[in-house]
Amino acid sequence: MYSVGIAYLLWLVSGFGALGFHRFYLGKVPTGFLWMCTGGLGMVGSIYDFFTLPGQVREANIRNALFRSSSGRPVNNGPTWRNVSDGEARIVRDKDPKETVERTILRIAKQNKGILTASELALEANIPMDQAKRVLDTLVSKGFAELRVRRTGTLVYTIPEMMDDDSPLEDF
């Protein structure tokens, strides 16, 4: 992760941005050479960089994280940048990559008072719907879960020991 403090320090050391060291640091090598050859575009670009450096650092961090995630290299276990459905990029915490499907089932059931669906499991465990349904059906056949029907007619899987007594379900 790039640091705003280091970027400003390099801006200062490079003659108030005239040599473009901060641009090299942020991975903007072509404009770093341009700044170096033109004195920061006659100091106009250097002054511009002074005011926009926090945003440039944020963009460089996003670009770096997206490159790492798309290149298949492992990303650290801390927070990572990711594009979300509204087109913005923000820091999100990845789920534990070692979390088993069974643990994901128990986590969802605990959050939903013992009730979960195949689609919720597929979404949370990042597995196909048919695999999620097979796993849940296996738990039902082994007696760890039950298949029930909501009053609306939706099929749900339940973990009885995590359920509330007054849940809106019918026996199936």
C-alpha atoms as a PDB file:
ATOM      1  CA  MET A   1       0.000   0.000   0.000  1.00  0.00           C
ATOM      2  CA  TYR A   2       1.278   3.412  -0.930  1.00  0.00           C
ATOM      3  CA  SER A   3       1.480   6.110   1.732  1.00  0.00           C
ATOM      4  CA  VAL A   4       0.394   9.734   1.393  1.00  0.00           C
ATOM      5  CA  GLY A   5       3.158  10.790   3.792  1.00  0.00           C
ATOM      6  CA  ILE A   6       5.882   9.150   1.726  1.00  0.00           C
ATOM      7  CA  ALA A   7       4.414  10.615  -1.468  1.00  0.00           C
ATOM      8  CA  TYR A   8       4.516  14.146   0.025  1.00  0.00           C
ATOM      9  CA  LEU A   9       8.047  13.559   1.315  1.00  0.00           C
ATOM     10  CA  LEU A  10       9.203  12.522  -2.168  1.00  0.00           C
ATOM     11  CA  TRP A  11       7.368  15.516  -3.631  1.00  0.00           C
ATOM     12  CA  LEU A  12       9.267  17.787  -1.254  1.00  0.00           C
ATOM     13  CA  VAL A  13      12.681  16.115  -1.764  1.00  0.00           C
ATOM     14  CA  SER A  14      12.313  16.269  -5.545  1.00  0.00           C
ATOM     15  CA  GLY A  15      12.332  20.062  -5.523  1.00  0.00           C
ATOM     16  CA  PHE A  16       8.663  20.613  -4.692  1.00  0.00           C
ATOM     17  CA  GLY A  17       7.699  17.978  -7.251  1.00  0.00           C
ATOM     18  CA  ALA A  18       9.831  19.296 -10.098  1.00  0.00           C
ATOM     19  CA  LEU A  19      11.793  16.028 -10.474  1.00  0.00           C
ATOM     20  CA  GLY A  20       8.712  13.822 -10.142  1.00  0.00           C
ATOM     21  CA  PHE A  21      10.037  11.311  -7.585  1.00  0.00           C
ATOM     22  CA  HIS A  22       6.528  11.026  -6.145  1.00  0.00           C
ATOM     23  CA  ARG A  23       5.211   9.996  -9.572  1.00  0.00           C
ATOM     24  CA  PHE A  24       7.807   7.242  -9.869  1.00  0.00           C
ATOM     25  CA  TYR A  25       6.796   6.058  -6.390  1.00  0.00           C
ATOM     26  CA  LEU A  26       3.136   5.858  -7.417  1.00  0.00           C
ATOM     27  CA  GLY A  27       3.979   3.830 -10.531  1.00  0.00           C
ATOM     28  CA  LYS A  28       3.459   6.704 -12.967  1.00  0.00           C
ATOM     29  CA  VAL A  29       6.812   6.205 -14.670  1.00  0.00           C
ATOM     30  CA  PRO A  30       6.085   7.970 -18.001  1.00  0.00           C
ATOM     31  CA  THR A  31       4.844  11.146 -16.298  1.00  0.00           C
ATOM     32  CA  GLY A  32       7.707  10.845 -13.811  1.00  0.00           C
ATOM     33  CA  PHE A  33      10.144  11.179 -16.718  1.00  0.00           C
ATOM     34  CA  LEU A  34       8.047  14.014 -18.148  1.00  0.00           C
ATOM     35  CA  TRP A  35       8.175  15.865 -14.801  1.00  0.00           C
ATOM     36  CA  MET A  36      11.930  15.243 -14.580  1.00  0.00           C
ATOM     37  CA  CYS A  37      12.599  16.616 -18.073  1.00  0.00           C
ATOM     38  CA  THR A  38      10.280  19.642 -17.852  1.00  0.00           C
ATOM     39  CA  GLY A  39      10.681  20.619 -14.205  1.00  0.00           C
ATOM     40  CA  GLY A  40       7.221  19.407 -13.274  1.00  0.00           C
ATOM     41  CA  LEU A  41       5.727  20.967 -16.413  1.00  0.00           C
ATOM     42  CA  GLY A  42       7.120  24.316 -15.424  1.00  0.00           C
ATOM     43  CA  MET A  43       6.020  23.782 -11.803  1.00  0.00           C
ATOM     44  CA  VAL A  44       2.340  23.929 -12.851  1.00  0.00           C
ATOM     45  CA  GLY A  45       2.111  20.133 -12.707  1.00  0.00           C
ATOM     46  CA  SER A  46       3.985  20.088  -9.395  1.00  0.00           C
ATOM     47  CA  ILE A  47       1.512  22.495  -7.826  1.00  0.00           C
ATOM     48  CA  TYR A  48      -1.352  20.426  -9.228  1.00  0.00           C
ATOM     49  CA  ASP A  49       0.218  17.312  -7.671  1.00  0.00           C
ATOM     50  CA  PHE A  50       0.509  19.048  -4.288  1.00  0.00           C
ATOM     51  CA  PHE A  51      -3.271  19.416  -4.115  1.00  0.00           C
ATOM     52  CA  THR A  52      -4.205  16.084  -5.693  1.00  0.00           C
ATOM     53  CA  LEU A  53      -1.595  13.787  -4.131  1.00  0.00           C
ATOM     54  CA  PRO A  54      -3.967  12.068  -1.632  1.00  0.00           C
ATOM     55  CA  GLY A  55      -6.299  11.121  -4.487  1.00  0.00           C
ATOM     56  CA  GLN A  56      -3.382   9.926  -6.603  1.00  0.00           C
ATOM     57  CA  VAL A  57      -2.197   7.693  -3.734  1.00  0.00           C
ATOM     58  CA  ARG A  58      -5.717   6.291  -3.334  1.00  0.00           C
ATOM     59  CA  GLU A  59      -5.920   5.555  -7.082  1.00  0.00           C
ATOM     60  CA  ALA A  60      -2.482   3.910  -7.033  1.00  0.00           C
ATOM     61  CA  ASN A  61      -3.551   1.685  -4.131  1.00  0.00           C
ATOM     62  CA  ILE A  62      -6.718   0.672  -5.992  1.00  0.00           C
ATOM     63  CA  ARG A  63      -4.799   0.027  -9.206  1.00  0.00           C
ATOM     64  CA  ASN A  64      -2.200  -2.045  -7.347  1.00  0.00           C
ATOM     65  CA  ALA A  65      -4.793  -4.129  -5.501  1.00  0.00           C
ATOM     66  CA  LEU A  66      -6.834  -4.754  -8.646  1.00  0.00           C
ATOM     67  CA  PHE A  67      -3.696  -5.790 -10.520  1.00  0.00           C
ATOM     68  CA  ARG A  68      -2.725  -8.216  -7.757  1.00  0.00           C
ATOM     69  CA  SER A  69      -6.195  -9.741  -7.558  1.00  0.00           C
ATOM     70  CA  SER A  70      -6.537 -10.135 -11.339  1.00  0.00           C
ATOM     71  CA  SER A  71      -3.035 -11.529 -11.851  1.00  0.00           C
ATOM     72  CA  GLY A  72      -3.753 -14.556  -9.688  1.00  0.00           C
ATOM     73  CA  ARG A  73      -1.054 -13.736  -7.183  1.00  0.00           C
ATOM     74  CA  PRO A  74      -2.076 -14.293  -3.585  1.00  0.00           C
ATOM     75  CA  VAL A  75      -3.289 -11.192  -1.848  1.00  0.00           C
ATOM     76  CA  ASN A  76      -2.483 -10.643   1.815  1.00  0.00           C
ATOM     77  CA  ASN A  77      -5.058 -11.687   4.409  1.00  0.00           C
ATOM     78  CA  GLY A  78      -5.755  -8.107   5.450  1.00  0.00           C
ATOM     79  CA  PRO A  79      -8.277  -5.777   3.895  1.00  0.00           C
ATOM     80  CA  THR A  80      -8.173  -5.557   0.121  1.00  0.00           C
ATOM     81  CA  TRP A  81      -9.615  -3.240  -2.508  1.00  0.00           C
ATOM     82  CA  ARG A  82     -12.382  -4.573  -4.682  1.00  0.00           C
ATOM     83  CA  ASN A  83     -14.889  -3.174  -7.166  1.00  0.00           C
ATOM     84  CA  VAL A  84     -18.406  -3.494  -5.841  1.00  0.00           C
ATOM     85  CA  SER A  85     -21.716  -3.543  -7.684  1.00  0.00           C
ATOM     86  CA  ASP A  86     -22.149   0.240  -7.727  1.00  0.00           C
ATOM     87  CA  GLY A  87     -18.865   0.683  -9.633  1.00  0.00           C
ATOM     88  CA  GLU A  88     -16.956   2.138  -6.704  1.00  0.00           C
ATOM     89  CA  ALA A  89     -13.791   0.594  -5.296  1.00  0.00           C
ATOM     90  CA  ARG A  90     -13.569   0.232  -1.546  1.00  0.00           C
ATOM     91  CA  ILE A  91     -11.786  -1.731   1.115  1.00  0.00           C
ATOM     92  CA  VAL A  92     -13.513  -4.990   1.979  1.00  0.00           C
ATOM     93  CA  ARG A  93     -12.505  -7.909   4.128  1.00  0.00           C
ATOM     94  CA  ASP A  94     -12.222 -11.203   2.348  1.00  0.00           C
ATOM     95  CA  LYS A  95     -13.763 -14.244   3.930  1.00  0.00           C
ATOM     96  CA  ASP A  96     -11.407 -16.786   5.386  1.00  0.00           C
ATOM     97  CA  PRO A  97     -10.192 -18.823   2.377  1.00  0.00           C
ATOM     98  CA  LYS A  98      -9.903 -21.898   4.619  1.00  0.00           C
ATOM     99  CA  GLU A  99     -13.554 -21.731   5.704  1.00  0.00           C
ATOM    100  CA  THR A 100     -15.294 -24.988   4.831  1.00  0.00           C
ATOM    101  CA  VAL A 101     -18.757 -25.182   3.316  1.00  0.00           C
ATOM    102  CA  GLU A 102     -20.061 -26.718   6.543  1.00  0.00           C
ATOM    103  CA  ARG A 103     -18.682 -23.817   8.563  1.00  0.00           C
ATOM    104  CA  THR A 104     -20.283 -21.379   6.131  1.00  0.00           C
ATOM    105  CA  ILE A 105     -23.611 -23.209   6.599  1.00  0.00           C
ATOM    106  CA  LEU A 106     -23.333 -22.902  10.376  1.00  0.00           C
ATOM    107  CA  ARG A 107     -22.366 -19.219  10.169  1.00  0.00           C
ATOM    108  CA  ILE A 108     -25.359 -18.404   7.946  1.00  0.00           C
ATOM    109  CA  ALA A 109     -27.704 -20.479  10.102  1.00  0.00           C
ATOM    110  CA  LYS A 110     -26.516 -18.684  13.225  1.00  0.00           C
ATOM    111  CA  GLN A 111     -27.071 -15.272  11.594  1.00  0.00           C
ATOM    112  CA  ASN A 112     -30.545 -16.284  10.340  1.00  0.00           C
ATOM    113  CA  LYS A 113     -31.761 -18.027  13.505  1.00  0.00           C
ATOM    114  CA  GLY A 114     -31.269 -21.518  12.073  1.00  0.00           C
ATOM    115  CA  ILE A 115     -32.771 -20.924   8.634  1.00  0.00           C
ATOM    116  CA  LEU A 116     -30.916 -20.818   5.301  1.00  0.00           C
ATOM    117  CA  THR A 117     -31.493 -21.398   1.606  1.00  0.00           C
ATOM    118  CA  ALA A 118     -29.358 -22.945  -1.114  1.00  0.00           C
ATOM    119  CA  SER A 119     -28.969 -19.563  -2.791  1.00  0.00           C
ATOM    120  CA  GLU A 120     -27.649 -17.961   0.425  1.00  0.00           C
ATOM    121  CA  LEU A 121     -25.110 -20.763   0.783  1.00  0.00           C
ATOM    122  CA  ALA A 122     -24.049 -20.504  -2.861  1.00  0.00           C
ATOM    123  CA  LEU A 123     -23.521 -16.768  -2.477  1.00  0.00           C
ATOM    124  CA  GLU A 124     -21.611 -16.929   0.811  1.00  0.00           C
ATOM    125  CA  ALA A 125     -19.474 -19.995  -0.010  1.00  0.00           C
ATOM    126  CA  ASN A 126     -18.879 -18.928  -3.619  1.00  0.00           C
ATOM    127  CA  ILE A 127     -20.041 -22.280  -4.996  1.00  0.00           C
ATOM    128  CA  PRO A 128     -22.564 -23.195  -7.717  1.00  0.00           C
ATOM    129  CA  MET A 129     -26.238 -23.483  -6.736  1.00  0.00           C
ATOM    130  CA  ASP A 130     -26.434 -27.194  -7.540  1.00  0.00           C
ATOM    131  CA  GLN A 131     -23.445 -27.911  -5.292  1.00  0.00           C
ATOM    132  CA  ALA A 132     -25.011 -25.867  -2.472  1.00  0.00           C
ATOM    133  CA  LYS A 133     -28.257 -27.820  -2.821  1.00  0.00           C
ATOM    134  CA  ARG A 134     -26.364 -31.156  -2.816  1.00  0.00           C
ATOM    135  CA  VAL A 135     -24.471 -30.221   0.356  1.00  0.00           C
ATOM    136  CA  LEU A 136     -27.656 -29.143   2.129  1.00  0.00           C
ATOM    137  CA  ASP A 137     -29.527 -32.265   0.975  1.00  0.00           C
ATOM    138  CA  THR A 138     -26.653 -34.370   2.338  1.00  0.00           C
ATOM    139  CA  LEU A 139     -27.002 -32.669   5.726  1.00  0.00           C
ATOM    140  CA  VAL A 140     -30.739 -33.419   5.653  1.00  0.00           C
ATOM    141  CA  SER A 141     -30.136 -37.093   4.815  1.00  0.00           C
ATOM    142  CA  LYS A 142     -27.629 -37.373   7.687  1.00  0.00           C
ATOM    143  CA  GLY A 143     -30.081 -35.777  10.112  1.00  0.00           C
ATOM    144  CA  PHE A 144     -28.125 -32.584  10.791  1.00  0.00           C
ATOM    145  CA  ALA A 145     -30.657 -30.341   9.030  1.00  0.00           C
ATOM    146  CA  GLU A 146     -34.323 -30.386   8.091  1.00  0.00           C
ATOM    147  CA  LEU A 147     -36.115 -29.321   4.925  1.00  0.00           C
ATOM    148  CA  ARG A 148     -39.062 -27.044   5.756  1.00  0.00           C
ATOM    149  CA  VAL A 149     -41.463 -24.727   3.981  1.00  0.00           C
ATOM    150  CA  ARG A 150     -42.078 -21.079   4.817  1.00  0.00           C
ATOM    151  CA  ARG A 151     -45.665 -19.884   4.907  1.00  0.00           C
ATOM    152  CA  THR A 152     -44.939 -18.186   1.589  1.00  0.00           C
ATOM    153  CA  GLY A 153     -44.107 -21.564   0.058  1.00  0.00           C
ATOM    154  CA  THR A 154     -40.330 -21.126  -0.078  1.00  0.00           C
ATOM    155  CA  LEU A 155     -38.243 -24.212   0.665  1.00  0.00           C
ATOM    156  CA  VAL A 156     -35.640 -23.591   3.354  1.00  0.00           C
ATOM    157  CA  TYR A 157     -33.147 -25.686   5.232  1.00  0.00           C
ATOM    158  CA  THR A 158     -33.052 -25.443   8.997  1.00  0.00           C
ATOM    159  CA  ILE A 159     -30.544 -26.304  11.688  1.00  0.00           C
ATOM    160  CA  PRO A 160     -32.959 -27.144  14.551  1.00  0.00           C
ATOM    161  CA  GLU A 161     -30.646 -26.344  17.460  1.00  0.00           C
ATOM    162  CA  MET A 162     -30.137 -22.782  16.173  1.00  0.00           C
ATOM    163  CA  MET A 163     -33.819 -22.011  15.568  1.00  0.00           C
ATOM    164  CA  ASP A 164     -36.227 -19.845  17.530  1.00  0.00           C
ATOM    165  CA  ASP A 165     -39.414 -21.517  18.703  1.00  0.00           C
ATOM    166  CA  ASP A 166     -41.682 -19.026  16.957  1.00  0.00           C
ATOM    167  CA  SER A 167     -40.365 -19.278  13.391  1.00  0.00           C
ATOM    168  CA  PRO A 168     -42.893 -18.946  10.506  1.00  0.00           C
ATOM    169  CA  LEU A 169     -42.351 -22.442   9.013  1.00  0.00           C
ATOM    170  CA  GLU A 170     -44.481 -25.432   8.209  1.00  0.00           C
ATOM    171  CA  ASP A 171     -43.276 -29.034   8.367  1.00  0.00           C
ATOM    172  CA  PHE A 172     -42.479 -30.650   5.049  1.00  0.00           C
END
